[in-house]
């Protein structure tokens, strides 16, 4: 298991190695999809009572940090 932050981890045995929140089977992607669909934090927390508001902030911070990296697009034949 790799600790990305104190709230975001990656474990190849959980959710196919996607970043997850505090070793729960809730992926960062799931939370971001809810937010991008316009869901309010309060509704996400109601649907996932084991989450904390800080978990949602950690997801946003994780993705923000990820976007600071440089990416190169290569054509694959």
N, C-alpha and C. Protein backbone atom coordinates (compact mmCIF):
# COMPACT_ATOMS: atom_id res chain seq x y z
N UNK A 1 0.84 -1.17 0.00
CA UNK A 1 0.00 0.00 0.00
C UNK A 1 0.89 1.23 0.00
N UNK A 2 0.48 2.23 -0.74
CA UNK A 2 1.21 3.49 -0.79
C UNK A 2 0.32 4.60 -0.25
N UNK A 3 0.87 5.36 0.69
CA UNK A 3 0.14 6.49 1.25
C UNK A 3 0.47 7.72 0.42
N UNK A 4 -0.51 8.25 -0.29
CA UNK A 4 -0.31 9.47 -1.06
C UNK A 4 -0.40 10.66 -0.11
N UNK A 5 -1.41 10.66 0.73
CA UNK A 5 -1.56 11.61 1.82
C UNK A 5 -2.05 10.79 3.01
N UNK A 6 -2.36 11.45 4.10
CA UNK A 6 -2.90 10.69 5.23
C UNK A 6 -4.32 10.19 4.95
N UNK A 7 -4.95 10.68 3.89
CA UNK A 7 -6.32 10.27 3.57
C UNK A 7 -6.45 9.51 2.25
N UNK A 8 -5.49 9.65 1.36
CA UNK A 8 -5.55 9.01 0.05
C UNK A 8 -4.47 7.92 -0.01
N UNK A 9 -4.90 6.71 -0.35
CA UNK A 9 -3.97 5.59 -0.45
C UNK A 9 -4.19 4.85 -1.77
N UNK A 10 -3.18 4.09 -2.15
CA UNK A 10 -3.29 3.22 -3.31
C UNK A 10 -2.87 1.83 -2.87
N UNK A 11 -3.76 0.88 -3.08
CA UNK A 11 -3.50 -0.52 -2.72
C UNK A 11 -3.93 -1.37 -3.90
N UNK A 12 -3.01 -2.11 -4.48
CA UNK A 12 -3.33 -2.90 -5.67
C UNK A 12 -4.43 -3.93 -5.41
N UNK A 13 -4.69 -4.24 -4.16
CA UNK A 13 -5.71 -5.23 -3.80
C UNK A 13 -7.10 -4.61 -3.61
N UNK A 14 -7.19 -3.29 -3.63
CA UNK A 14 -8.48 -2.62 -3.41
C UNK A 14 -8.80 -1.76 -4.62
N UNK A 15 -9.97 -1.95 -5.20
CA UNK A 15 -10.47 -1.16 -6.34
C UNK A 15 -9.47 -1.12 -7.49
N UNK A 16 -8.83 -2.24 -7.75
CA UNK A 16 -7.89 -2.37 -8.87
C UNK A 16 -6.76 -1.35 -8.83
N UNK A 17 -6.38 -0.92 -7.65
CA UNK A 17 -5.24 -0.02 -7.51
C UNK A 17 -5.56 1.44 -7.74
N UNK A 18 -6.83 1.79 -7.84
CA UNK A 18 -7.19 3.20 -7.98
C UNK A 18 -7.00 3.90 -6.65
N UNK A 19 -6.72 5.20 -6.67
CA UNK A 19 -6.60 5.94 -5.40
C UNK A 19 -7.93 5.88 -4.64
N UNK A 20 -7.83 5.55 -3.36
CA UNK A 20 -9.02 5.41 -2.51
C UNK A 20 -8.89 6.29 -1.26
N UNK A 21 -10.00 6.46 -0.59
CA UNK A 21 -10.05 7.30 0.59
C UNK A 21 -9.96 6.44 1.85
N UNK A 22 -8.94 6.66 2.64
CA UNK A 22 -8.73 6.02 3.93
C UNK A 22 -9.00 4.51 3.92
N UNK A 23 -8.47 3.82 2.93
CA UNK A 23 -8.61 2.36 2.81
C UNK A 23 -10.04 1.87 2.70
N UNK A 24 -10.95 2.76 2.36
CA UNK A 24 -12.34 2.36 2.13
C UNK A 24 -12.46 2.03 0.65
N UNK A 25 -13.50 1.40 0.28
CA UNK A 25 -13.71 1.08 -1.14
C UNK A 25 -14.46 2.23 -1.81
N UNK A 26 -14.00 3.42 -1.54
CA UNK A 26 -14.54 4.63 -2.17
C UNK A 26 -13.37 5.29 -2.89
N UNK A 27 -13.48 5.38 -4.21
CA UNK A 27 -12.36 5.93 -4.98
C UNK A 27 -12.43 7.45 -5.06
N UNK A 28 -11.27 8.03 -5.26
CA UNK A 28 -11.19 9.47 -5.51
C UNK A 28 -12.03 9.80 -6.74
N UNK A 29 -11.96 8.95 -7.74
CA UNK A 29 -12.72 9.15 -8.97
C UNK A 29 -14.22 9.25 -8.70
N UNK A 30 -14.74 8.41 -7.83
CA UNK A 30 -16.17 8.44 -7.50
C UNK A 30 -16.56 9.79 -6.94
N UNK A 31 -15.77 10.29 -6.01
CA UNK A 31 -16.09 11.58 -5.38
C UNK A 31 -16.01 12.70 -6.42
N UNK A 32 -14.99 12.67 -7.26
CA UNK A 32 -14.85 13.70 -8.29
C UNK A 32 -15.99 13.65 -9.30
N UNK A 33 -16.46 12.47 -9.62
CA UNK A 33 -17.60 12.35 -10.54
C UNK A 33 -18.86 12.95 -9.93
N UNK A 34 -19.07 12.71 -8.64
CA UNK A 34 -20.21 13.34 -7.96
C UNK A 34 -20.10 14.86 -8.02
N UNK A 35 -18.93 15.37 -7.68
CA UNK A 35 -18.73 16.83 -7.67
C UNK A 35 -18.89 17.42 -9.06
N UNK A 36 -18.36 16.76 -10.08
CA UNK A 36 -18.45 17.29 -11.44
C UNK A 36 -19.88 17.24 -11.97
N UNK A 37 -20.71 16.39 -11.39
CA UNK A 37 -22.12 16.32 -11.77
C UNK A 37 -22.95 17.37 -11.03
N UNK A 38 -22.28 18.15 -10.17
CA UNK A 38 -22.98 19.21 -9.45
C UNK A 38 -23.49 18.82 -8.08
N UNK A 39 -23.12 17.64 -7.62
CA UNK A 39 -23.57 17.17 -6.30
C UNK A 39 -22.92 18.03 -5.20
N UNK A 40 -23.68 18.36 -4.21
CA UNK A 40 -23.16 19.13 -3.08
C UNK A 40 -22.41 18.22 -2.11
N UNK A 41 -21.44 18.79 -1.43
CA UNK A 41 -20.67 18.02 -0.45
C UNK A 41 -21.58 17.36 0.58
N UNK A 42 -22.58 18.09 1.02
CA UNK A 42 -23.49 17.57 2.04
C UNK A 42 -24.20 16.31 1.56
N UNK A 43 -24.58 16.29 0.27
CA UNK A 43 -25.26 15.13 -0.28
C UNK A 43 -24.31 13.94 -0.39
N UNK A 44 -23.07 14.19 -0.79
CA UNK A 44 -22.09 13.12 -0.86
C UNK A 44 -21.86 12.53 0.53
N UNK A 45 -21.75 13.39 1.52
CA UNK A 45 -21.54 12.92 2.90
C UNK A 45 -22.75 12.16 3.42
N UNK A 46 -23.94 12.52 2.96
CA UNK A 46 -25.14 11.79 3.37
C UNK A 46 -25.15 10.40 2.74
N UNK A 47 -24.72 10.33 1.47
CA UNK A 47 -24.70 9.05 0.77
C UNK A 47 -23.59 8.13 1.26
N UNK A 48 -22.52 8.72 1.75
CA UNK A 48 -21.36 7.97 2.26
C UNK A 48 -21.07 8.43 3.69
N UNK A 49 -21.84 7.96 4.65
CA UNK A 49 -21.70 8.46 6.03
C UNK A 49 -20.34 8.20 6.67
N UNK A 50 -19.55 7.30 6.11
CA UNK A 50 -18.22 7.05 6.69
C UNK A 50 -17.20 8.09 6.24
N UNK A 51 -17.57 8.92 5.28
CA UNK A 51 -16.66 9.98 4.82
C UNK A 51 -16.76 11.21 5.70
N UNK A 52 -15.71 12.00 5.66
CA UNK A 52 -15.66 13.28 6.35
C UNK A 52 -15.42 14.37 5.32
N UNK A 53 -15.80 15.58 5.64
CA UNK A 53 -15.61 16.69 4.73
C UNK A 53 -14.15 16.80 4.28
N UNK A 54 -13.24 16.52 5.19
CA UNK A 54 -11.81 16.58 4.88
C UNK A 54 -11.42 15.57 3.80
N UNK A 55 -12.15 14.46 3.69
CA UNK A 55 -11.89 13.47 2.65
C UNK A 55 -12.16 14.07 1.27
N UNK A 56 -13.23 14.83 1.16
CA UNK A 56 -13.56 15.47 -0.12
C UNK A 56 -12.49 16.49 -0.48
N UNK A 57 -12.06 17.28 0.50
CA UNK A 57 -10.98 18.25 0.26
C UNK A 57 -9.70 17.53 -0.16
N UNK A 58 -9.42 16.38 0.44
CA UNK A 58 -8.22 15.61 0.09
C UNK A 58 -8.29 15.13 -1.36
N UNK A 59 -9.47 14.74 -1.82
CA UNK A 59 -9.63 14.33 -3.22
C UNK A 59 -9.31 15.48 -4.17
N UNK A 60 -9.83 16.65 -3.85
CA UNK A 60 -9.57 17.82 -4.69
C UNK A 60 -8.09 18.19 -4.68
N UNK A 61 -7.47 18.12 -3.52
CA UNK A 61 -6.05 18.44 -3.40
C UNK A 61 -5.21 17.42 -4.18
N UNK A 62 -5.57 16.16 -4.08
CA UNK A 62 -4.86 15.10 -4.79
C UNK A 62 -4.86 15.37 -6.29
N UNK A 63 -6.02 15.68 -6.85
CA UNK A 63 -6.12 15.91 -8.28
C UNK A 63 -5.43 17.22 -8.66
N UNK A 64 -5.53 18.22 -7.83
CA UNK A 64 -4.84 19.48 -8.09
C UNK A 64 -3.33 19.25 -8.16
N UNK A 65 -2.80 18.48 -7.22
CA UNK A 65 -1.37 18.16 -7.22
C UNK A 65 -0.99 17.34 -8.45
N UNK A 66 -1.85 16.44 -8.85
CA UNK A 66 -1.60 15.61 -10.03
C UNK A 66 -1.51 16.48 -11.29
N UNK A 67 -2.33 17.51 -11.37
CA UNK A 67 -2.35 18.36 -12.55
C UNK A 67 -1.15 19.29 -12.63
N UNK A 68 -0.36 19.37 -11.59
CA UNK A 68 0.86 20.18 -11.61
C UNK A 68 1.98 19.50 -12.39
N UNK A 69 1.80 18.23 -12.69
CA UNK A 69 2.83 17.47 -13.40
C UNK A 69 2.75 17.73 -14.90
N UNK A 70 3.83 17.47 -15.59
CA UNK A 70 3.86 17.60 -17.04
C UNK A 70 3.49 16.27 -17.67
N UNK A 71 2.74 16.33 -18.75
CA UNK A 71 2.30 15.14 -19.45
C UNK A 71 2.71 15.24 -20.93
N UNK A 72 3.04 14.11 -21.52
CA UNK A 72 3.36 14.05 -22.93
C UNK A 72 2.43 13.03 -23.58
N UNK A 73 1.85 13.43 -24.70
CA UNK A 73 0.96 12.53 -25.42
C UNK A 73 1.77 11.92 -26.58
N UNK A 74 1.80 10.60 -26.63
CA UNK A 74 2.53 9.89 -27.67
C UNK A 74 1.54 9.02 -28.46
N UNK A 75 1.74 8.98 -29.76
CA UNK A 75 0.93 8.13 -30.60
C UNK A 75 1.45 6.70 -30.50
N UNK A 76 0.53 5.78 -30.28
CA UNK A 76 0.88 4.37 -30.20
C UNK A 76 0.30 3.68 -31.43
N UNK A 77 1.14 2.97 -32.13
CA UNK A 77 0.69 2.33 -33.38
C UNK A 77 -0.17 1.13 -33.11
